[in-house]
Amino acid sequence: MATLSWLMEWSVENVCEAFFSYFGENQHVRLPSTPVIPVDDPKVPLLHTCLHRFKGTLGGRERHRTCFSPRCIIASGDEDLIDRFRIDATFHRLTEILGSWSHGYYFKEEAIGLLFSLLTEVDFWMADETGPCGPCIGFFHDCSDNNDGVDSVRNITNAKLVEICRLVFVEFDRQADGVLEPFQAKHVLTRINLECLAAILQKKESHYDLDVYAYVIRQVYSRTGKGFKDYTGKVGAVDTNGVDTTYRLVADHMRMIAVTNAPGSQLGLGNEGREYFLKCADKQAVKYGYQVLKINEEDYDMMSSSMHRCK
């Protein structure tokens, strides 16, 4: 990794640029980011995997190498979503993925070598019940004190075992009857969770201690009611009054809203589909922000405008 030695500090931006520099040196063309609304794919409410951008092109014989960094939204409808923010300082609905594609070029051996040199678990990956699928390999970083290796905890939810990235070998098109039809050409998708990798390089246990959240949390703090303290990073039972949990929820929400208002997306609040998800998310953020941090609705509008300009 001598090509990355010039990076003295692993800011999120530096992690992203190092990724593109590495894959650029390996003949991958950098693609621009896309809106969080999938293009020409009404079945997908919001962009949430690297595959959706390309899945309509996989059946042909095209040959090219690309790398990209889409922002993805996890459209979760869980009623207990607030509990995720309470117990998990790495959870957020908006995430950025560092991805690369090999369309018809190299396959498993070279893809694993490329990813391993930049930084094993097997299962079978699918985007939906039908469509592109294939074997995948995950790369994990063990932050725990457990010396037994990944095998001992791979089927257990463990915040100390962080999946940094995943390779998906897309070679089949699953039909409605379950038959796996081989594609004419084999494809490889590499995806790296930007926040997870940056947190490891910055030696942060919480994603909300990353540099990209510093400005957002300052904005939230500036709108809290009288007497509130700044974010202290408490997680779980030690966050007795729920203040830090609400900081995470509101900060995540503000970044997500900024992205959905970016050019090409322009999502509003509504009663169906994507708009309904954002309406529920906005309602939840306003509710907890007001009840816990005493932020009023006008201040949310000010923060949204500020975040949009920042983007």
Protein backbone atom coordinates (compact mmCIF):
# COMPACT_ATOMS: atom_id res chain seq x y z
CA MET A 1 0.00 0.00 0.00
CA ALA A 2 2.89 2.36 -0.68
CA THR A 3 0.68 4.44 -2.98
CA LEU A 4 -1.41 5.48 0.04
CA SER A 5 1.45 6.37 2.38
CA TRP A 6 1.07 10.10 1.68
CA LEU A 7 -2.21 10.19 3.59
CA MET A 8 -1.20 11.51 6.99
CA GLU A 9 -4.76 11.69 8.31
CA TRP A 10 -7.60 9.38 7.31
CA SER A 11 -10.44 11.85 6.97
CA VAL A 12 -13.53 10.43 5.25
CA GLU A 13 -12.66 12.46 2.14
CA ASN A 14 -9.11 11.06 2.12
CA VAL A 15 -10.40 7.50 2.46
CA CYS A 16 -12.70 8.09 -0.51
CA GLU A 17 -9.97 9.64 -2.67
CA ALA A 18 -7.49 6.89 -1.77
CA PHE A 19 -10.02 4.30 -2.94
CA PHE A 20 -10.46 6.05 -6.31
CA SER A 21 -6.71 6.54 -6.69
CA TYR A 22 -6.09 2.84 -6.07
CA PHE A 23 -8.71 1.56 -8.49
CA GLY A 24 -7.79 4.25 -11.02
CA GLU A 25 -4.24 2.88 -11.03
CA ASN A 26 -5.82 -0.48 -11.77
CA GLN A 27 -7.60 0.75 -14.91
CA HIS A 28 -11.03 1.50 -13.42
CA VAL A 29 -12.92 4.51 -14.76
CA ARG A 30 -14.44 6.72 -12.06
CA LEU A 31 -18.16 7.31 -12.48
CA PRO A 32 -20.10 10.26 -11.04
CA SER A 33 -22.46 9.68 -8.15
CA THR A 34 -26.17 9.21 -8.82
CA PRO A 35 -29.33 10.53 -7.14
CA VAL A 36 -30.77 8.45 -4.33
CA ILE A 37 -33.84 7.89 -6.51
CA PRO A 38 -33.10 4.90 -8.78
CA VAL A 39 -33.19 5.74 -12.47
CA ASP A 40 -35.80 3.81 -14.51
CA ASP A 41 -36.45 1.30 -11.71
CA PRO A 42 -39.84 1.92 -10.07
CA LYS A 43 -39.61 -1.31 -8.06
CA VAL A 44 -36.81 0.13 -5.91
CA PRO A 45 -38.05 2.94 -3.60
CA LEU A 46 -34.58 4.35 -2.86
CA LEU A 47 -31.07 3.44 -3.91
CA HIS A 48 -29.83 0.93 -1.36
CA THR A 49 -27.33 -1.33 -3.14
CA CYS A 50 -24.54 -0.82 -5.66
CA LEU A 51 -26.19 -3.32 -7.99
CA HIS A 52 -29.34 -1.39 -8.78
CA ARG A 53 -27.43 1.13 -10.88
CA PHE A 54 -26.23 -1.56 -13.29
CA LYS A 55 -28.56 -4.54 -13.06
CA GLY A 56 -30.21 -3.82 -16.43
CA THR A 57 -26.85 -4.08 -18.23
CA LEU A 58 -25.57 -7.41 -16.90
CA GLY A 59 -27.06 -9.71 -19.53
CA GLY A 60 -24.95 -8.41 -22.43
CA ARG A 61 -21.32 -8.73 -23.47
CA GLU A 62 -20.01 -5.28 -22.45
CA ARG A 63 -16.46 -5.14 -21.11
CA HIS A 64 -15.35 -2.33 -18.81
CA ARG A 65 -14.04 -1.55 -15.32
CA THR A 66 -15.57 1.19 -13.20
CA CYS A 67 -15.48 2.60 -9.68
CA PHE A 68 -18.00 4.88 -7.98
CA SER A 69 -19.32 6.15 -4.65
CA PRO A 70 -23.14 6.20 -4.38
CA ARG A 71 -25.00 7.48 -1.34
CA CYS A 72 -27.57 4.92 -0.25
CA ILE A 73 -30.55 5.15 2.08
CA ILE A 74 -31.76 2.26 4.20
CA ALA A 75 -35.53 2.71 4.09
CA SER A 76 -36.31 1.00 7.36
CA GLY A 77 -39.86 1.05 8.66
CA ASP A 78 -39.08 -0.46 12.03
CA GLU A 79 -41.10 1.07 14.83
CA ASP A 80 -38.23 0.44 17.22
CA LEU A 81 -35.77 2.37 15.07
CA ILE A 82 -34.95 4.69 17.96
CA ASP A 83 -33.52 1.66 19.79
CA ARG A 84 -30.95 1.19 17.02
CA PHE A 85 -29.62 4.69 17.66
CA ARG A 86 -29.68 4.02 21.40
CA ILE A 87 -27.53 0.87 21.36
CA ASP A 88 -25.52 1.19 18.13
CA ALA A 89 -23.25 4.14 17.38
CA THR A 90 -22.49 2.76 13.90
CA PHE A 91 -26.09 2.71 12.64
CA HIS A 92 -27.34 5.35 10.22
CA ARG A 93 -29.91 5.32 7.43
CA LEU A 94 -27.74 7.31 5.04
CA THR A 95 -24.48 5.60 4.11
CA GLU A 96 -21.92 5.98 1.34
CA ILE A 97 -20.58 2.96 -0.51
CA LEU A 98 -17.24 2.73 -2.26
CA GLY A 99 -17.84 0.39 -5.17
CA SER A 100 -16.12 -1.04 -8.21
CA TRP A 101 -17.40 -3.12 -11.09
CA SER A 102 -15.74 -5.52 -13.49
CA HIS A 103 -18.09 -5.97 -16.43
CA GLY A 104 -16.87 -8.99 -18.37
CA TYR A 105 -13.18 -8.53 -17.44
CA TYR A 106 -11.56 -10.16 -14.42
CA PHE A 107 -13.45 -12.41 -12.03
CA LYS A 108 -12.90 -14.02 -8.65
CA GLU A 109 -9.12 -14.44 -8.35
CA GLU A 110 -8.09 -10.94 -9.43
CA ALA A 111 -11.02 -9.27 -7.63
CA ILE A 112 -10.08 -10.87 -4.31
CA GLY A 113 -6.44 -9.96 -4.84
CA LEU A 114 -7.30 -6.32 -5.58
CA LEU A 115 -9.52 -5.95 -2.55
CA PHE A 116 -7.23 -7.81 -0.18
CA SER A 117 -4.26 -5.67 -1.19
CA LEU A 118 -6.37 -2.57 -0.49
CA LEU A 119 -7.24 -3.80 2.93
CA THR A 120 -13.47 -14.53 4.76
CA GLU A 121 -16.79 -15.18 4.81
CA VAL A 122 -18.99 -16.97 2.20
CA ASP A 123 -22.68 -16.75 1.51
CA PHE A 124 -24.87 -16.35 -1.57
CA TRP A 125 -25.93 -12.81 -2.42
CA MET A 126 -29.13 -11.63 -4.16
CA ALA A 127 -30.50 -8.16 -4.86
CA ASP A 128 -34.14 -9.32 -4.91
CA GLU A 129 -36.18 -12.54 -5.05
CA THR A 130 -35.40 -12.67 -8.77
CA GLY A 131 -32.59 -11.16 -10.82
CA PRO A 132 -28.79 -10.97 -10.58
CA CYS A 133 -27.12 -13.06 -7.89
CA GLY A 134 -24.02 -15.05 -7.05
CA PRO A 135 -21.51 -16.03 -4.35
CA CYS A 136 -19.98 -13.30 -2.19
CA ILE A 137 -17.10 -12.87 0.22
CA GLY A 138 -17.02 -10.45 3.14
CA PHE A 139 -13.94 -8.86 4.75
CA PHE A 140 -14.24 -8.23 8.48
CA HIS A 141 -12.23 -6.22 10.99
CA ASP A 142 -12.26 -7.75 14.48
CA CYS A 143 -12.27 -4.98 17.10
CA SER A 144 -13.00 -7.35 19.98
CA ASP A 145 -10.74 -9.08 22.48
CA ASN A 146 -11.85 -12.47 21.14
CA ASN A 147 -8.91 -14.50 19.80
CA ASP A 148 -11.05 -17.29 18.34
CA GLY A 149 -11.42 -15.62 14.93
CA VAL A 150 -14.40 -14.77 12.75
CA ASP A 151 -15.83 -18.31 12.76
CA SER A 152 -16.80 -18.05 16.43
CA VAL A 153 -18.97 -14.96 16.00
CA ARG A 154 -19.97 -14.81 12.35
CA ASN A 155 -23.59 -15.74 13.05
CA ILE A 156 -23.91 -13.48 16.08
CA THR A 157 -24.72 -9.77 16.11
CA ASN A 158 -21.50 -8.27 17.44
CA ALA A 159 -20.72 -4.56 17.13
CA LYS A 160 -17.03 -5.37 17.54
CA LEU A 161 -16.96 -7.47 14.36
CA VAL A 162 -17.20 -4.93 11.55
CA GLU A 163 -17.78 -5.90 7.93
CA ILE A 164 -15.66 -3.46 5.97
CA CYS A 165 -16.35 -4.64 2.46
CA ARG A 166 -17.84 -7.34 0.28
CA LEU A 167 -17.15 -8.94 -3.08
CA VAL A 168 -20.13 -10.19 -5.07
CA PHE A 169 -19.53 -12.53 -8.01
CA VAL A 170 -22.55 -11.88 -10.21
CA GLU A 171 -22.86 -14.87 -12.53
CA PHE A 172 -26.53 -15.91 -12.37
CA ASP A 173 -29.94 -14.47 -13.17
CA ARG A 174 -32.47 -16.09 -10.84
CA GLN A 175 -35.84 -16.74 -12.48
CA ALA A 176 -39.27 -16.68 -10.83
CA ASP A 177 -39.23 -20.50 -10.61
CA GLY A 178 -35.91 -20.46 -8.79
CA VAL A 179 -33.77 -21.56 -11.74
CA LEU A 180 -30.33 -19.88 -11.89
CA GLU A 181 -29.65 -18.90 -15.49
CA PRO A 182 -25.94 -18.11 -16.13
CA PHE A 183 -25.17 -14.67 -17.55
CA GLN A 184 -23.33 -14.48 -20.87
CA ALA A 185 -20.46 -12.70 -19.10
CA LYS A 186 -19.41 -12.84 -15.46
CA HIS A 187 -19.28 -9.65 -13.38
CA VAL A 188 -17.66 -8.63 -10.09
CA LEU A 189 -18.98 -6.00 -7.71
CA THR A 190 -16.73 -4.66 -4.95
CA ARG A 191 -18.40 -2.58 -2.23
CA ILE A 192 -16.76 -0.91 0.76
CA ASN A 193 -18.67 0.85 3.51
CA LEU A 194 -16.98 4.25 3.61
CA GLU A 195 -17.97 5.09 7.17
CA CYS A 196 -16.84 1.70 8.53
CA LEU A 197 -13.45 1.91 6.86
CA ALA A 198 -12.92 5.53 7.90
CA ALA A 199 -13.85 4.71 11.51
CA ILE A 200 -11.23 1.96 11.63
CA LEU A 201 -8.54 4.17 10.07
CA GLN A 202 -9.43 7.04 12.42
CA LYS A 203 -9.55 4.61 15.38
CA LYS A 204 -13.13 5.58 16.20
CA GLU A 205 -15.64 3.13 17.66
CA SER A 206 -18.56 5.40 16.80
CA HIS A 207 -19.36 6.63 13.30
CA TYR A 208 -20.72 9.78 14.88
CA ASP A 209 -17.19 10.72 15.95
CA LEU A 210 -16.12 10.88 12.29
CA ASP A 211 -15.20 14.23 10.80
CA VAL A 212 -18.23 14.26 8.45
CA TYR A 213 -20.56 14.38 11.46
CA ALA A 214 -18.74 17.15 13.33
CA TYR A 215 -20.47 20.00 11.47
CA VAL A 216 -23.88 18.35 11.63
CA ILE A 217 -23.73 17.71 15.38
CA ARG A 218 -22.60 21.30 15.95
CA GLN A 219 -25.66 22.45 14.03
CA VAL A 220 -27.92 20.25 16.16
CA TYR A 221 -26.29 21.48 19.38
CA SER A 222 -26.73 25.13 18.36
CA ARG A 223 -30.51 24.56 18.15
CA THR A 224 -30.99 22.69 21.44
CA GLY A 225 -32.94 24.19 24.30
CA LYS A 226 -31.35 26.14 27.11
CA GLY A 227 -28.96 24.24 29.37
CA PHE A 228 -28.28 21.26 27.07
CA LYS A 229 -24.75 19.92 26.81
CA ASP A 230 -22.97 19.03 23.60
CA TYR A 231 -22.88 15.46 22.28
CA THR A 232 -20.83 13.15 24.53
CA GLY A 233 -21.19 9.84 22.66
CA LYS A 234 -22.98 7.80 25.32
CA VAL A 235 -24.48 4.55 24.04
CA GLY A 236 -26.94 2.13 25.61
CA ALA A 237 -27.93 2.18 29.27
CA VAL A 238 -25.41 4.89 30.21
CA ASP A 239 -27.35 7.34 28.03
CA THR A 240 -29.98 7.56 30.75
CA ASN A 241 -31.82 10.63 29.44
CA GLY A 242 -31.59 9.67 25.77
CA VAL A 243 -29.83 12.92 24.82
CA ASP A 244 -26.94 11.35 22.89
CA THR A 245 -29.28 8.86 21.24
CA THR A 246 -31.36 11.76 19.96
CA TYR A 247 -28.26 13.60 18.76
CA ARG A 248 -27.42 10.57 16.59
CA LEU A 249 -30.97 10.23 15.30
CA VAL A 250 -31.28 13.91 14.38
CA ALA A 251 -27.76 14.13 12.87
CA ASP A 252 -28.41 11.08 10.70
CA HIS A 253 -31.74 12.53 9.65
CA MET A 254 -30.25 15.90 8.69
CA ARG A 255 -27.62 14.27 6.43
CA MET A 256 -30.26 12.08 4.83
CA ILE A 257 -32.61 15.01 4.18
CA ALA A 258 -29.74 17.01 2.64
CA VAL A 259 -29.05 14.19 0.18
CA THR A 260 -32.70 13.70 -0.76
CA ASN A 261 -32.86 17.41 -1.58
CA ALA A 262 -29.75 17.31 -3.76
CA PRO A 263 -30.05 18.02 -7.52
CA GLY A 264 -31.63 15.06 -9.29
CA SER A 265 -33.43 13.79 -6.20
CA GLN A 266 -35.72 16.53 -4.90
CA LEU A 267 -37.85 14.22 -2.78
CA GLY A 268 -40.70 15.73 -0.82
CA LEU A 269 -42.87 14.43 2.00
CA GLY A 270 -46.01 12.53 1.02
CA ASN A 271 -48.32 9.64 1.78
CA GLU A 272 -46.99 6.98 -0.58
CA GLY A 273 -43.74 5.17 -1.35
CA ARG A 274 -40.49 7.11 -0.99
CA GLU A 275 -42.23 10.28 0.11
CA TYR A 276 -44.07 8.43 2.87
CA PHE A 277 -40.82 6.96 4.20
CA LEU A 278 -39.31 10.46 4.39
CA LYS A 279 -42.48 11.81 6.01
CA CYS A 280 -42.30 9.17 8.75
CA ALA A 281 -38.58 9.73 9.22
CA ASP A 282 -39.08 13.49 9.45
CA LYS A 283 -41.92 13.09 11.93
CA GLN A 284 -39.80 10.86 14.12
CA ALA A 285 -36.82 13.23 14.09
CA VAL A 286 -39.01 16.23 14.93
CA LYS A 287 -40.72 14.27 17.70
CA TYR A 288 -37.56 13.16 19.50
CA GLY A 289 -35.73 16.39 18.74
CA TYR A 290 -38.51 18.38 20.40
CA GLN A 291 -39.20 16.03 23.30
CA VAL A 292 -35.57 15.40 24.24
CA LEU A 293 -33.48 18.29 22.88
CA LYS A 294 -36.25 20.91 22.79
CA ILE A 295 -35.59 21.76 19.13
CA ASN A 296 -38.57 23.46 17.50
CA GLU A 297 -39.74 22.88 13.93
CA GLU A 298 -38.45 26.24 12.67
CA ASP A 299 -34.94 25.28 13.74
CA TYR A 300 -35.23 22.06 11.73
CA ASP A 301 -35.95 24.14 8.63
CA MET A 302 -32.88 26.27 9.34
CA MET A 303 -30.68 23.21 9.79
CA SER A 304 -32.02 21.63 6.59
CA SER A 305 -31.25 24.78 4.61
CA SER A 306 -27.75 24.94 6.10
CA MET A 307 -27.07 21.27 5.36
CA HIS A 308 -28.34 21.65 1.78
CA ARG A 309 -25.96 24.55 1.15
CA CYS A 310 -23.14 22.54 2.67
CA LYS A 311 -23.82 19.67 0.23
